[in-house]
Amino acid sequence: MLRCAALLSCALFAQSAPLQKITINFATRTGTTWPLYIAKEAGYFERNGLEANLVFAVHPAAIAMVISGEAAMTNYPLEQAMLAASKDASLAIVGSPFRKSLFALMADKRFSKVRDLKGKRFGVSQIGDAPYNYAVGLLAKFGMTPRDVEWTPIGTDVNGRAAALVSGRVDATMITAPVYFKLEQRGFKALANTSDYDDIYAPTVYVFKKSTMAANPRLAESLIKAHAEAIQRFYADKAFALKAYLKHMPDDPADLEKVYDRYSKINTFERVPYLSAAAVRYMIDHPVDEQAAAQMKKFDFHAVIDNAPVERLVREGYFEKLFGAAIKDEETRKAREAFR
């Protein structure tokens, strides 16, 4: 009887404990952010002791928010996170929840193949951002280098790049789904897609400030758990996943459903979010420019990449409880492939 009373008292205390207020940055209005929308709508942040405010800001403002303490975490492209951390080792890269987007190289209809873009205007938000890096990776698949096109910084996100293509300001650009579906309907062509190349790595990672993690030892685990619960809901409940996305980012429901089906088919959201060694090596071997190459190659990323929070959750059996016993094989494989 005393044991039951103690358990009830603990439960009531846990329910009444104040939630920790935090800000989470998201740096892109694409499917990358989908689990954050689900976690917000389903109450998974609150379940893990957090009152989370989601704030949009693109690179480099997003990293600046983390460094200044304005944001506790950002969900960020790996290559940008690594470059930022190599310049400011106060940052920590913790796990990787997302494999890659449906990122199409979209071009005006007068171009039929990637090599037709030689000497043409290629739109990016800014030199060195994620769309730029993905474009460089795709161009390389067709024997081209960054010097083979004329880079045109647009200064905004995917919608701005799409508008630049439609207006004729640029001849080609990188566009995520579902935005590129609409461009295809207007006659623009998808000449290549990152999702078709397993050896083009484009994951996102959780980025924290080390001092934030030190002051809140379980914060990273709490956020990873909320994110993982949202990923579990994504795969299990299509209707809710679509509803949550559309509440935060209005879009064509039919187009969004196509994105959902493709994401679900290729398991683009990671159930066990270790950051792999192969992804880290890819970013070092494919820098945005010579200066970045020198910076990345001399830096020891063991100082900033931390898979330990994911490892602790694995040891605690968290992912097995969430996804079932079948996840153990994936845990073992991901642990073997993780950056150490």
C-alpha atoms as a PDB file:
ATOM      1  CA  MET A   1       0.000   0.000   0.000  1.00  0.00           C
ATOM      2  CA  LEU A   2       2.839   2.351   0.914  1.00  0.00           C
ATOM      3  CA  ARG A   3       4.572   1.480  -2.377  1.00  0.00           C
ATOM      4  CA  CYS A   4       1.418   2.369  -4.355  1.00  0.00           C
ATOM      5  CA  ALA A   5       1.081   5.661  -2.493  1.00  0.00           C
ATOM      6  CA  ALA A   6       4.721   6.507  -3.231  1.00  0.00           C
ATOM      7  CA  LEU A   7       4.326   5.726  -6.905  1.00  0.00           C
ATOM      8  CA  LEU A   8       1.164   7.842  -7.089  1.00  0.00           C
ATOM      9  CA  SER A   9       2.966  10.701  -5.348  1.00  0.00           C
ATOM     10  CA  CYS A  10       5.848  10.513  -7.850  1.00  0.00           C
ATOM     11  CA  ALA A  11       3.430  10.439 -10.757  1.00  0.00           C
ATOM     12  CA  LEU A  12       1.585  13.497  -9.471  1.00  0.00           C
ATOM     13  CA  PHE A  13       4.868  15.316  -8.926  1.00  0.00           C
ATOM     14  CA  ALA A  14       6.015  14.498 -12.477  1.00  0.00           C
ATOM     15  CA  GLN A  15       2.719  15.787 -13.861  1.00  0.00           C
ATOM     16  CA  SER A  16       2.940  19.021 -11.869  1.00  0.00           C
ATOM     17  CA  ALA A  17       6.650  19.682 -12.530  1.00  0.00           C
ATOM     18  CA  PRO A  18       7.031  22.830 -14.627  1.00  0.00           C
ATOM     19  CA  LEU A  19       7.913  22.345 -18.256  1.00  0.00           C
ATOM     20  CA  GLN A  20      11.278  23.630 -19.430  1.00  0.00           C
ATOM     21  CA  LYS A  21      10.719  26.418 -21.936  1.00  0.00           C
ATOM     22  CA  ILE A  22      12.979  26.188 -24.969  1.00  0.00           C
ATOM     23  CA  THR A  23      13.187  27.521 -28.507  1.00  0.00           C
ATOM     24  CA  ILE A  24      13.935  25.143 -31.371  1.00  0.00           C
ATOM     25  CA  ASN A  25      15.075  26.537 -34.675  1.00  0.00           C
ATOM     26  CA  PHE A  26      14.125  24.971 -37.990  1.00  0.00           C
ATOM     27  CA  ALA A  27      16.165  26.194 -40.931  1.00  0.00           C
ATOM     28  CA  THR A  28      14.006  25.032 -43.809  1.00  0.00           C
ATOM     29  CA  ARG A  29      10.274  24.865 -44.542  1.00  0.00           C
ATOM     30  CA  THR A  30      10.428  21.376 -46.047  1.00  0.00           C
ATOM     31  CA  GLY A  31       9.818  17.789 -45.034  1.00  0.00           C
ATOM     32  CA  THR A  32      13.001  17.900 -42.942  1.00  0.00           C
ATOM     33  CA  THR A  33      10.993  19.691 -40.259  1.00  0.00           C
ATOM     34  CA  TRP A  34       7.978  17.364 -40.412  1.00  0.00           C
ATOM     35  CA  PRO A  35       8.648  15.482 -37.128  1.00  0.00           C
ATOM     36  CA  LEU A  36       8.906  18.793 -35.264  1.00  0.00           C
ATOM     37  CA  TYR A  37       5.419  19.688 -36.484  1.00  0.00           C
ATOM     38  CA  ILE A  38       4.126  16.282 -35.354  1.00  0.00           C
ATOM     39  CA  ALA A  39       5.834  16.551 -31.965  1.00  0.00           C
ATOM     40  CA  LYS A  40       4.259  19.968 -31.467  1.00  0.00           C
ATOM     41  CA  GLU A  41       0.749  18.878 -32.419  1.00  0.00           C
ATOM     42  CA  ALA A  42       0.836  15.521 -30.625  1.00  0.00           C
ATOM     43  CA  GLY A  43       2.208  16.890 -27.341  1.00  0.00           C
ATOM     44  CA  TYR A  44       5.446  14.895 -27.470  1.00  0.00           C
ATOM     45  CA  PHE A  45       7.550  17.833 -26.293  1.00  0.00           C
ATOM     46  CA  GLU A  46       5.337  18.216 -23.222  1.00  0.00           C
ATOM     47  CA  ARG A  47       5.451  14.470 -22.601  1.00  0.00           C
ATOM     48  CA  ASN A  48       9.221  14.816 -22.357  1.00  0.00           C
ATOM     49  CA  GLY A  49       9.145  17.822 -20.029  1.00  0.00           C
ATOM     50  CA  LEU A  50       9.526  20.583 -22.611  1.00  0.00           C
ATOM     51  CA  GLU A  51       7.516  23.596 -23.698  1.00  0.00           C
ATOM     52  CA  ALA A  52       8.928  24.096 -27.174  1.00  0.00           C
ATOM     53  CA  ASN A  53       8.583  27.137 -29.379  1.00  0.00           C
ATOM     54  CA  LEU A  54       9.435  26.463 -33.042  1.00  0.00           C
ATOM     55  CA  VAL A  55      11.140  29.380 -34.811  1.00  0.00           C
ATOM     56  CA  PHE A  56      12.169  29.583 -38.469  1.00  0.00           C
ATOM     57  CA  ALA A  57      15.522  31.111 -39.474  1.00  0.00           C
ATOM     58  CA  VAL A  58      17.804  30.192 -42.373  1.00  0.00           C
ATOM     59  CA  HIS A  59      21.569  29.742 -42.392  1.00  0.00           C
ATOM     60  CA  PRO A  60      23.613  31.363 -40.868  1.00  0.00           C
ATOM     61  CA  ALA A  61      21.040  32.974 -38.539  1.00  0.00           C
ATOM     62  CA  ALA A  62      19.979  29.558 -37.265  1.00  0.00           C
ATOM     63  CA  ILE A  63      23.460  28.655 -36.022  1.00  0.00           C
ATOM     64  CA  ALA A  64      23.785  32.139 -34.547  1.00  0.00           C
ATOM     65  CA  MET A  65      20.625  31.480 -32.517  1.00  0.00           C
ATOM     66  CA  VAL A  66      22.204  28.350 -31.014  1.00  0.00           C
ATOM     67  CA  ILE A  67      25.546  30.029 -30.298  1.00  0.00           C
ATOM     68  CA  SER A  68      23.851  33.001 -28.608  1.00  0.00           C
ATOM     69  CA  GLY A  69      21.577  30.766 -26.543  1.00  0.00           C
ATOM     70  CA  GLU A  70      18.452  32.104 -28.215  1.00  0.00           C
ATOM     71  CA  ALA A  71      17.702  28.561 -29.427  1.00  0.00           C
ATOM     72  CA  ALA A  72      18.473  25.344 -27.567  1.00  0.00           C
ATOM     73  CA  MET A  73      18.739  23.296 -30.737  1.00  0.00           C
ATOM     74  CA  THR A  74      18.506  23.488 -34.509  1.00  0.00           C
ATOM     75  CA  ASN A  75      17.760  20.707 -36.962  1.00  0.00           C
ATOM     76  CA  TYR A  76      20.469  21.404 -39.551  1.00  0.00           C
ATOM     77  CA  PRO A  77      22.115  20.078 -42.725  1.00  0.00           C
ATOM     78  CA  LEU A  78      25.238  18.118 -41.785  1.00  0.00           C
ATOM     79  CA  GLU A  79      27.667  19.906 -44.097  1.00  0.00           C
ATOM     80  CA  GLN A  80      26.719  23.346 -42.747  1.00  0.00           C
ATOM     81  CA  ALA A  81      26.800  22.067 -39.168  1.00  0.00           C
ATOM     82  CA  MET A  82      30.278  20.573 -39.621  1.00  0.00           C
ATOM     83  CA  LEU A  83      31.666  23.719 -41.198  1.00  0.00           C
ATOM     84  CA  ALA A  84      30.168  25.883 -38.442  1.00  0.00           C
ATOM     85  CA  ALA A  85      31.464  23.573 -35.699  1.00  0.00           C
ATOM     86  CA  SER A  86      34.948  23.475 -37.241  1.00  0.00           C
ATOM     87  CA  LYS A  87      35.039  27.269 -36.814  1.00  0.00           C
ATOM     88  CA  ASP A  88      33.332  27.358 -33.407  1.00  0.00           C
ATOM     89  CA  ALA A  89      33.987  24.283 -31.288  1.00  0.00           C
ATOM     90  CA  SER A  90      31.442  25.462 -28.702  1.00  0.00           C
ATOM     91  CA  LEU A  91      28.871  23.633 -30.859  1.00  0.00           C
ATOM     92  CA  ALA A  92      27.896  19.978 -30.563  1.00  0.00           C
ATOM     93  CA  ILE A  93      26.496  17.813 -33.369  1.00  0.00           C
ATOM     94  CA  VAL A  94      24.282  15.165 -31.794  1.00  0.00           C
ATOM     95  CA  GLY A  95      22.776  12.374 -33.882  1.00  0.00           C
ATOM     96  CA  SER A  96      21.062  12.434 -37.275  1.00  0.00           C
ATOM     97  CA  PRO A  97      17.271  11.966 -37.653  1.00  0.00           C
ATOM     98  CA  PHE A  98      16.861  12.488 -41.402  1.00  0.00           C
ATOM     99  CA  ARG A  99      18.560  10.747 -44.326  1.00  0.00           C
ATOM    100  CA  LYS A 100      17.852  13.100 -47.229  1.00  0.00           C
ATOM    101  CA  SER A 101      15.149  15.158 -48.907  1.00  0.00           C
ATOM    102  CA  LEU A 102      13.564  14.691 -52.301  1.00  0.00           C
ATOM    103  CA  PHE A 103      15.788  17.374 -53.824  1.00  0.00           C
ATOM    104  CA  ALA A 104      15.414  17.861 -57.569  1.00  0.00           C
ATOM    105  CA  LEU A 105      17.647  19.777 -59.933  1.00  0.00           C
ATOM    106  CA  MET A 106      14.930  21.736 -61.732  1.00  0.00           C
ATOM    107  CA  ALA A 107      15.573  23.544 -65.005  1.00  0.00           C
ATOM    108  CA  ASP A 108      13.828  25.494 -67.702  1.00  0.00           C
ATOM    109  CA  LYS A 109      12.112  23.256 -70.241  1.00  0.00           C
ATOM    110  CA  ARG A 110      14.637  24.080 -72.959  1.00  0.00           C
ATOM    111  CA  PHE A 111      17.223  21.940 -71.133  1.00  0.00           C
ATOM    112  CA  SER A 112      16.969  18.174 -71.506  1.00  0.00           C
ATOM    113  CA  LYS A 113      20.030  16.975 -69.562  1.00  0.00           C
ATOM    114  CA  VAL A 114      22.318  18.204 -66.802  1.00  0.00           C
ATOM    115  CA  ARG A 115      25.266  18.851 -69.105  1.00  0.00           C
ATOM    116  CA  ASP A 116      23.111  21.350 -71.009  1.00  0.00           C
ATOM    117  CA  LEU A 117      23.522  23.655 -68.002  1.00  0.00           C
ATOM    118  CA  LYS A 118      27.212  24.337 -68.670  1.00  0.00           C
ATOM    119  CA  GLY A 119      27.737  28.101 -68.503  1.00  0.00           C
ATOM    120  CA  LYS A 120      24.141  28.707 -67.379  1.00  0.00           C
ATOM    121  CA  ARG A 121      22.797  30.541 -64.318  1.00  0.00           C
ATOM    122  CA  PHE A 122      22.262  28.230 -61.333  1.00  0.00           C
ATOM    123  CA  GLY A 123      20.244  29.623 -58.429  1.00  0.00           C
ATOM    124  CA  VAL A 124      21.114  28.964 -54.779  1.00  0.00           C
ATOM    125  CA  SER A 125      20.023  30.720 -51.608  1.00  0.00           C
ATOM    126  CA  GLN A 126      23.691  31.472 -50.991  1.00  0.00           C
ATOM    127  CA  ILE A 127      27.051  29.977 -51.922  1.00  0.00           C
ATOM    128  CA  GLY A 128      27.920  27.177 -49.521  1.00  0.00           C
ATOM    129  CA  ASP A 129      24.382  26.439 -48.321  1.00  0.00           C
ATOM    130  CA  ALA A 130      22.728  23.031 -48.515  1.00  0.00           C
ATOM    131  CA  PRO A 131      21.147  23.484 -51.993  1.00  0.00           C
ATOM    132  CA  TYR A 132      24.553  24.582 -53.301  1.00  0.00           C
ATOM    133  CA  ASN A 133      26.238  21.476 -51.883  1.00  0.00           C
ATOM    134  CA  TYR A 134      23.584  19.146 -53.266  1.00  0.00           C
ATOM    135  CA  ALA A 135      23.872  20.822 -56.655  1.00  0.00           C
ATOM    136  CA  VAL A 136      27.637  20.328 -56.654  1.00  0.00           C
ATOM    137  CA  GLY A 137      27.128  16.648 -55.818  1.00  0.00           C
ATOM    138  CA  LEU A 138      24.671  16.157 -58.656  1.00  0.00           C
ATOM    139  CA  LEU A 139      26.783  18.084 -61.173  1.00  0.00           C
ATOM    140  CA  ALA A 140      29.709  15.797 -60.351  1.00  0.00           C
ATOM    141  CA  LYS A 141      27.602  12.781 -61.323  1.00  0.00           C
ATOM    142  CA  PHE A 142      27.534  14.210 -64.843  1.00  0.00           C
ATOM    143  CA  GLY A 143      31.202  15.129 -65.078  1.00  0.00           C
ATOM    144  CA  MET A 144      30.757  18.783 -64.155  1.00  0.00           C
ATOM    145  CA  THR A 145      32.413  20.982 -61.519  1.00  0.00           C
ATOM    146  CA  PRO A 146      31.190  24.098 -59.682  1.00  0.00           C
ATOM    147  CA  ARG A 147      33.111  26.209 -62.211  1.00  0.00           C
ATOM    148  CA  ASP A 148      30.965  24.903 -65.066  1.00  0.00           C
ATOM    149  CA  VAL A 149      27.928  26.994 -64.063  1.00  0.00           C
ATOM    150  CA  GLU A 150      27.291  30.603 -63.059  1.00  0.00           C
ATOM    151  CA  TRP A 151      26.104  30.651 -59.444  1.00  0.00           C
ATOM    152  CA  THR A 152      23.342  33.155 -58.664  1.00  0.00           C
ATOM    153  CA  PRO A 153      22.597  33.768 -54.954  1.00  0.00           C
ATOM    154  CA  ILE A 154      18.861  34.331 -54.378  1.00  0.00           C
ATOM    155  CA  GLY A 155      18.991  35.033 -50.635  1.00  0.00           C
ATOM    156  CA  THR A 156      15.775  33.216 -49.669  1.00  0.00           C
ATOM    157  CA  ASP A 157      14.490  29.685 -49.196  1.00  0.00           C
ATOM    158  CA  VAL A 158      13.017  27.138 -51.609  1.00  0.00           C
ATOM    159  CA  ASN A 159      10.070  29.332 -52.544  1.00  0.00           C
ATOM    160  CA  GLY A 160      12.413  32.152 -53.513  1.00  0.00           C
ATOM    161  CA  ARG A 161      14.510  29.817 -55.648  1.00  0.00           C
ATOM    162  CA  ALA A 162      11.372  28.519 -57.356  1.00  0.00           C
ATOM    163  CA  ALA A 163      10.235  32.074 -58.063  1.00  0.00           C
ATOM    164  CA  ALA A 164      13.636  32.905 -59.550  1.00  0.00           C
ATOM    165  CA  LEU A 165      13.347  29.930 -61.900  1.00  0.00           C
ATOM    166  CA  VAL A 166       9.807  30.788 -62.962  1.00  0.00           C
ATOM    167  CA  SER A 167      10.717  34.435 -63.592  1.00  0.00           C
ATOM    168  CA  GLY A 168      13.713  33.486 -65.705  1.00  0.00           C
ATOM    169  CA  ARG A 169      16.233  35.017 -63.320  1.00  0.00           C
ATOM    170  CA  VAL A 170      18.021  31.649 -63.241  1.00  0.00           C
ATOM    171  CA  ASP A 171      18.118  28.697 -65.645  1.00  0.00           C
ATOM    172  CA  ALA A 172      18.197  25.986 -62.976  1.00  0.00           C
ATOM    173  CA  THR A 173      18.073  25.503 -59.220  1.00  0.00           C
ATOM    174  CA  MET A 174      17.616  22.886 -56.506  1.00  0.00           C
ATOM    175  CA  ILE A 175      14.012  22.472 -55.329  1.00  0.00           C
ATOM    176  CA  THR A 176      12.539  20.205 -52.658  1.00  0.00           C
ATOM    177  CA  ALA A 177       9.252  18.341 -52.897  1.00  0.00           C
ATOM    178  CA  PRO A 178       6.419  19.192 -52.960  1.00  0.00           C
ATOM    179  CA  VAL A 179       7.411  22.534 -54.508  1.00  0.00           C
ATOM    180  CA  TYR A 180       9.018  20.909 -57.534  1.00  0.00           C
ATOM    181  CA  PHE A 181       5.816  18.985 -58.288  1.00  0.00           C
ATOM    182  CA  LYS A 182       4.154  22.303 -59.089  1.00  0.00           C
ATOM    183  CA  LEU A 183       7.052  23.322 -61.312  1.00  0.00           C
ATOM    184  CA  GLU A 184       6.773  20.059 -63.240  1.00  0.00           C
ATOM    185  CA  GLN A 185       3.093  20.816 -63.820  1.00  0.00           C
ATOM    186  CA  ARG A 186       4.172  24.133 -65.355  1.00  0.00           C
ATOM    187  CA  GLY A 187       6.573  22.457 -67.771  1.00  0.00           C
ATOM    188  CA  PHE A 188       9.866  22.740 -65.899  1.00  0.00           C
ATOM    189  CA  LYS A 189      12.064  19.621 -65.911  1.00  0.00           C
ATOM    190  CA  ALA A 190      13.611  17.584 -63.103  1.00  0.00           C
ATOM    191  CA  LEU A 191      16.999  16.690 -64.559  1.00  0.00           C
ATOM    192  CA  ALA A 192      18.280  14.791 -61.500  1.00  0.00           C
ATOM    193  CA  ASN A 193      17.355  14.071 -57.878  1.00  0.00           C
ATOM    194  CA  THR A 194      19.596  13.489 -54.849  1.00  0.00           C
ATOM    195  CA  SER A 195      17.289  10.707 -53.658  1.00  0.00           C
ATOM    196  CA  ASP A 196      18.405   8.584 -56.616  1.00  0.00           C
ATOM    197  CA  TYR A 197      22.027   8.474 -55.429  1.00  0.00           C
ATOM    198  CA  ASP A 198      22.856   6.572 -52.249  1.00  0.00           C
ATOM    199  CA  ASP A 199      26.404   7.918 -52.307  1.00  0.00           C
ATOM    200  CA  ILE A 200      25.262  11.539 -52.095  1.00  0.00           C
ATOM    201  CA  TYR A 201      24.812  12.095 -48.372  1.00  0.00           C
ATOM    202  CA  ALA A 202      22.430  14.864 -47.302  1.00  0.00           C
ATOM    203  CA  PRO A 203      21.380  14.163 -43.709  1.00  0.00           C
ATOM    204  CA  THR A 204      20.297  16.604 -41.063  1.00  0.00           C
ATOM    205  CA  VAL A 205      21.667  16.650 -37.530  1.00  0.00           C
ATOM    206  CA  TYR A 206      20.747  18.051 -34.139  1.00  0.00           C
ATOM    207  CA  VAL A 207      23.014  20.987 -33.246  1.00  0.00           C
ATOM    208  CA  PHE A 208      23.359  22.236 -29.683  1.00  0.00           C
ATOM    209  CA  LYS A 209      25.793  24.442 -27.810  1.00  0.00           C
ATOM    210  CA  LYS A 210      27.978  22.378 -25.510  1.00  0.00           C
ATOM    211  CA  SER A 211      27.322  24.696 -22.575  1.00  0.00           C
ATOM    212  CA  THR A 212      23.553  24.261 -23.074  1.00  0.00           C
ATOM    213  CA  MET A 213      23.948  20.487 -22.921  1.00  0.00           C
ATOM    214  CA  ALA A 214      26.199  20.742 -19.843  1.00  0.00           C
ATOM    215  CA  ALA A 215      23.642  22.901 -18.043  1.00  0.00           C
ATOM    216  CA  ASN A 216      20.807  20.534 -19.026  1.00  0.00           C
ATOM    217  CA  PRO A 217      22.336  17.016 -19.027  1.00  0.00           C
ATOM    218  CA  ARG A 218      19.182  15.270 -20.280  1.00  0.00           C
ATOM    219  CA  LEU A 219      17.994  17.955 -22.708  1.00  0.00           C
ATOM    220  CA  ALA A 220      19.444  16.258 -25.785  1.00  0.00           C
ATOM    221  CA  GLU A 221      17.839  12.938 -24.844  1.00  0.00           C
ATOM    222  CA  SER A 222      14.483  14.627 -24.181  1.00  0.00           C
ATOM    223  CA  LEU A 223      14.488  16.302 -27.586  1.00  0.00           C
ATOM    224  CA  ILE A 224      15.620  13.128 -29.373  1.00  0.00           C
ATOM    225  CA  LYS A 225      12.835  11.203 -27.624  1.00  0.00           C
ATOM    226  CA  ALA A 226      10.190  13.745 -28.651  1.00  0.00           C
ATOM    227  CA  HIS A 227      11.519  13.625 -32.206  1.00  0.00           C
ATOM    228  CA  ALA A 228      11.623   9.806 -32.244  1.00  0.00           C
ATOM    229  CA  GLU A 229       8.031   9.607 -30.979  1.00  0.00           C
ATOM    230  CA  ALA A 230       7.033  11.939 -33.807  1.00  0.00           C
ATOM    231  CA  ILE A 231       8.863   9.746 -36.325  1.00  0.00           C
ATOM    232  CA  GLN A 232       7.068   6.685 -34.970  1.00  0.00           C
ATOM    233  CA  ARG A 233       3.763   8.561 -35.391  1.00  0.00           C
ATOM    234  CA  PHE A 234       4.768   9.624 -38.907  1.00  0.00           C
ATOM    235  CA  TYR A 235       5.145   6.010 -40.047  1.00  0.00           C
ATOM    236  CA  ALA A 236       2.112   4.739 -38.122  1.00  0.00           C
ATOM    237  CA  ASP A 237      -0.461   7.488 -38.716  1.00  0.00           C
ATOM    238  CA  LYS A 238      -0.459   9.029 -42.191  1.00  0.00           C
ATOM    239  CA  ALA A 239      -3.606  11.081 -41.614  1.00  0.00           C
ATOM    240  CA  PHE A 240      -2.215  12.741 -38.489  1.00  0.00           C
ATOM    241  CA  ALA A 241       1.172  13.337 -40.125  1.00  0.00           C
ATOM    242  CA  LEU A 242      -0.460  15.137 -43.051  1.00  0.00           C
ATOM    243  CA  LYS A 243      -2.720  17.165 -40.755  1.00  0.00           C
ATOM    244  CA  ALA A 244       0.199  18.276 -38.571  1.00  0.00           C
ATOM    245  CA  TYR A 245       2.286  19.387 -41.549  1.00  0.00           C
ATOM    246  CA  LEU A 246      -0.549  21.295 -43.167  1.00  0.00           C
ATOM    247  CA  LYS A 247      -1.297  23.155 -39.944  1.00  0.00           C
ATOM    248  CA  HIS A 248       2.232  24.533 -39.811  1.00  0.00           C
ATOM    249  CA  MET A 249       2.949  24.743 -43.519  1.00  0.00           C
ATOM    250  CA  PRO A 250      -0.116  25.089 -45.792  1.00  0.00           C
ATOM    251  CA  ASP A 251       0.367  23.190 -49.032  1.00  0.00           C
ATOM    252  CA  ASP A 252      -1.475  21.192 -51.655  1.00  0.00           C
ATOM    253  CA  PRO A 253      -2.714  18.092 -49.766  1.00  0.00           C
ATOM    254  CA  ALA A 254      -2.332  15.886 -52.852  1.00  0.00           C
ATOM    255  CA  ASP A 255       1.269  16.983 -53.385  1.00  0.00           C
ATOM    256  CA  LEU A 256       2.069  16.522 -49.711  1.00  0.00           C
ATOM    257  CA  GLU A 257       0.611  13.026 -49.794  1.00  0.00           C
ATOM    258  CA  LYS A 258       3.011  12.168 -52.634  1.00  0.00           C
ATOM    259  CA  VAL A 259       5.910  13.374 -50.488  1.00  0.00           C
ATOM    260  CA  TYR A 260       4.647  11.325 -47.539  1.00  0.00           C
ATOM    261  CA  ASP A 261       4.388   8.159 -49.626  1.00  0.00           C
ATOM    262  CA  ARG A 262       7.941   8.558 -50.956  1.00  0.00           C
ATOM    263  CA  TYR A 263       9.394   9.375 -47.531  1.00  0.00           C
ATOM    264  CA  SER A 264       7.627   6.410 -46.000  1.00  0.00           C
ATOM    265  CA  LYS A 265       8.733   4.046 -48.758  1.00  0.00           C
ATOM    266  CA  ILE A 266      12.423   4.908 -48.434  1.00  0.00           C
ATOM    267  CA  ASN A 267      12.369   5.328 -44.621  1.00  0.00           C
ATOM    268  CA  THR A 268      13.918   8.766 -44.866  1.00  0.00           C
ATOM    269  CA  PHE A 269      13.373   9.504 -41.155  1.00  0.00           C
ATOM    270  CA  GLU A 270      15.807   7.578 -38.964  1.00  0.00           C
ATOM    271  CA  ARG A 271      14.278   5.533 -36.170  1.00  0.00           C
ATOM    272  CA  VAL A 272      17.670   5.168 -34.453  1.00  0.00           C
ATOM    273  CA  PRO A 273      19.385   8.494 -35.154  1.00  0.00           C
ATOM    274  CA  TYR A 274      23.096   7.733 -34.997  1.00  0.00           C
ATOM    275  CA  LEU A 275      25.245   9.977 -37.204  1.00  0.00           C
ATOM    276  CA  SER A 276      27.181   7.675 -39.525  1.00  0.00           C
ATOM    277  CA  ALA A 277      30.903   7.806 -40.171  1.00  0.00           C
ATOM    278  CA  ALA A 278      30.244   7.562 -43.920  1.00  0.00           C
ATOM    279  CA  ALA A 279      28.183  10.762 -43.897  1.00  0.00           C
ATOM    280  CA  VAL A 280      30.903  12.635 -42.006  1.00  0.00           C
ATOM    281  CA  ARG A 281      33.575  11.393 -44.417  1.00  0.00           C
ATOM    282  CA  TYR A 282      31.459  12.441 -47.413  1.00  0.00           C
ATOM    283  CA  MET A 283      31.251  16.023 -46.140  1.00  0.00           C
ATOM    284  CA  ILE A 284      35.006  16.191 -45.581  1.00  0.00           C
ATOM    285  CA  ASP A 285      35.656  14.791 -49.058  1.00  0.00           C
ATOM    286  CA  HIS A 286      33.120  17.114 -50.761  1.00  0.00           C
ATOM    287  CA  PRO A 287      33.751  20.620 -49.365  1.00  0.00           C
ATOM    288  CA  VAL A 288      32.039  23.680 -50.801  1.00  0.00           C
ATOM    289  CA  ASP A 289      35.332  25.357 -51.720  1.00  0.00           C
ATOM    290  CA  GLU A 290      39.103  25.192 -51.149  1.00  0.00           C
ATOM    291  CA  GLN A 291      38.940  27.265 -47.976  1.00  0.00           C
ATOM    292  CA  ALA A 292      36.297  24.966 -46.489  1.00  0.00           C
ATOM    293  CA  ALA A 293      38.355  21.942 -47.573  1.00  0.00           C
ATOM    294  CA  ALA A 294      41.391  23.179 -45.657  1.00  0.00           C
ATOM    295  CA  GLN A 295      39.286  23.990 -42.595  1.00  0.00           C
ATOM    296  CA  MET A 296      37.464  20.649 -42.535  1.00  0.00           C
ATOM    297  CA  LYS A 297      40.533  18.480 -43.163  1.00  0.00           C
ATOM    298  CA  LYS A 298      42.571  19.965 -40.328  1.00  0.00           C
ATOM    299  CA  PHE A 299      39.755  19.834 -37.774  1.00  0.00           C
ATOM    300  CA  ASP A 300      39.183  16.852 -35.482  1.00  0.00           C
ATOM    301  CA  PHE A 301      35.419  16.332 -35.556  1.00  0.00           C
ATOM    302  CA  HIS A 302      35.608  14.010 -32.576  1.00  0.00           C
ATOM    303  CA  ALA A 303      35.659  17.261 -30.599  1.00  0.00           C
ATOM    304  CA  VAL A 304      32.154  18.250 -31.711  1.00  0.00           C
ATOM    305  CA  ILE A 305      30.280  15.140 -32.929  1.00  0.00           C
ATOM    306  CA  ASP A 306      28.571  13.345 -30.076  1.00  0.00           C
ATOM    307  CA  ASN A 307      26.545  10.157 -30.590  1.00  0.00           C
ATOM    308  CA  ALA A 308      26.538   9.507 -26.832  1.00  0.00           C
ATOM    309  CA  PRO A 309      22.932  10.671 -26.188  1.00  0.00           C
ATOM    310  CA  VAL A 310      21.682   8.239 -28.846  1.00  0.00           C
ATOM    311  CA  GLU A 311      23.898   5.512 -27.376  1.00  0.00           C
ATOM    312  CA  ARG A 312      22.436   6.082 -23.899  1.00  0.00           C
ATOM    313  CA  LEU A 313      18.876   5.805 -25.203  1.00  0.00           C
ATOM    314  CA  VAL A 314      19.785   2.554 -26.957  1.00  0.00           C
ATOM    315  CA  ARG A 315      21.258   1.133 -23.748  1.00  0.00           C
ATOM    316  CA  GLU A 316      18.157   2.183 -21.820  1.00  0.00           C
ATOM    317  CA  GLY A 317      16.000   0.256 -24.309  1.00  0.00           C
ATOM    318  CA  TYR A 318      14.120   3.382 -25.353  1.00  0.00           C
ATOM    319  CA  PHE A 319      13.955   2.707 -29.102  1.00  0.00           C
ATOM    320  CA  GLU A 320      13.036  -0.934 -28.540  1.00  0.00           C
ATOM    321  CA  LYS A 321      10.100   0.144 -26.344  1.00  0.00           C
ATOM    322  CA  LEU A 322       9.009   2.712 -28.922  1.00  0.00           C
ATOM    323  CA  PHE A 323       9.406   0.724 -32.139  1.00  0.00           C
ATOM    324  CA  GLY A 324       9.326  -2.880 -30.917  1.00  0.00           C
ATOM    325  CA  ALA A 325      11.872  -5.672 -30.675  1.00  0.00           C
ATOM    326  CA  ALA A 326      12.440  -5.692 -34.442  1.00  0.00           C
ATOM    327  CA  ILE A 327      14.432  -2.457 -34.075  1.00  0.00           C
ATOM    328  CA  LYS A 328      17.335  -4.282 -32.397  1.00  0.00           C
ATOM    329  CA  ASP A 329      18.937  -5.324 -35.704  1.00  0.00           C
ATOM    330  CA  GLU A 330      18.798  -1.702 -36.878  1.00  0.00           C
ATOM    331  CA  GLU A 331      20.301  -0.529 -33.579  1.00  0.00           C
ATOM    332  CA  THR A 332      23.192  -2.949 -34.006  1.00  0.00           C
ATOM    333  CA  ARG A 333      23.817  -1.942 -37.624  1.00  0.00           C
ATOM    334  CA  LYS A 334      23.575   1.779 -36.946  1.00  0.00           C
ATOM    335  CA  ALA A 335      25.866   1.495 -33.930  1.00  0.00           C
ATOM    336  CA  ARG A 336      28.463  -0.310 -36.052  1.00  0.00           C
ATOM    337  CA  GLU A 337      28.283   2.408 -38.744  1.00  0.00           C
ATOM    338  CA  ALA A 338      28.239   5.361 -36.305  1.00  0.00           C
ATOM    339  CA  PHE A 339      30.937   8.007 -36.178  1.00  0.00           C
ATOM    340  CA  ARG A 340      33.294   7.195 -33.296  1.00  0.00           C
END
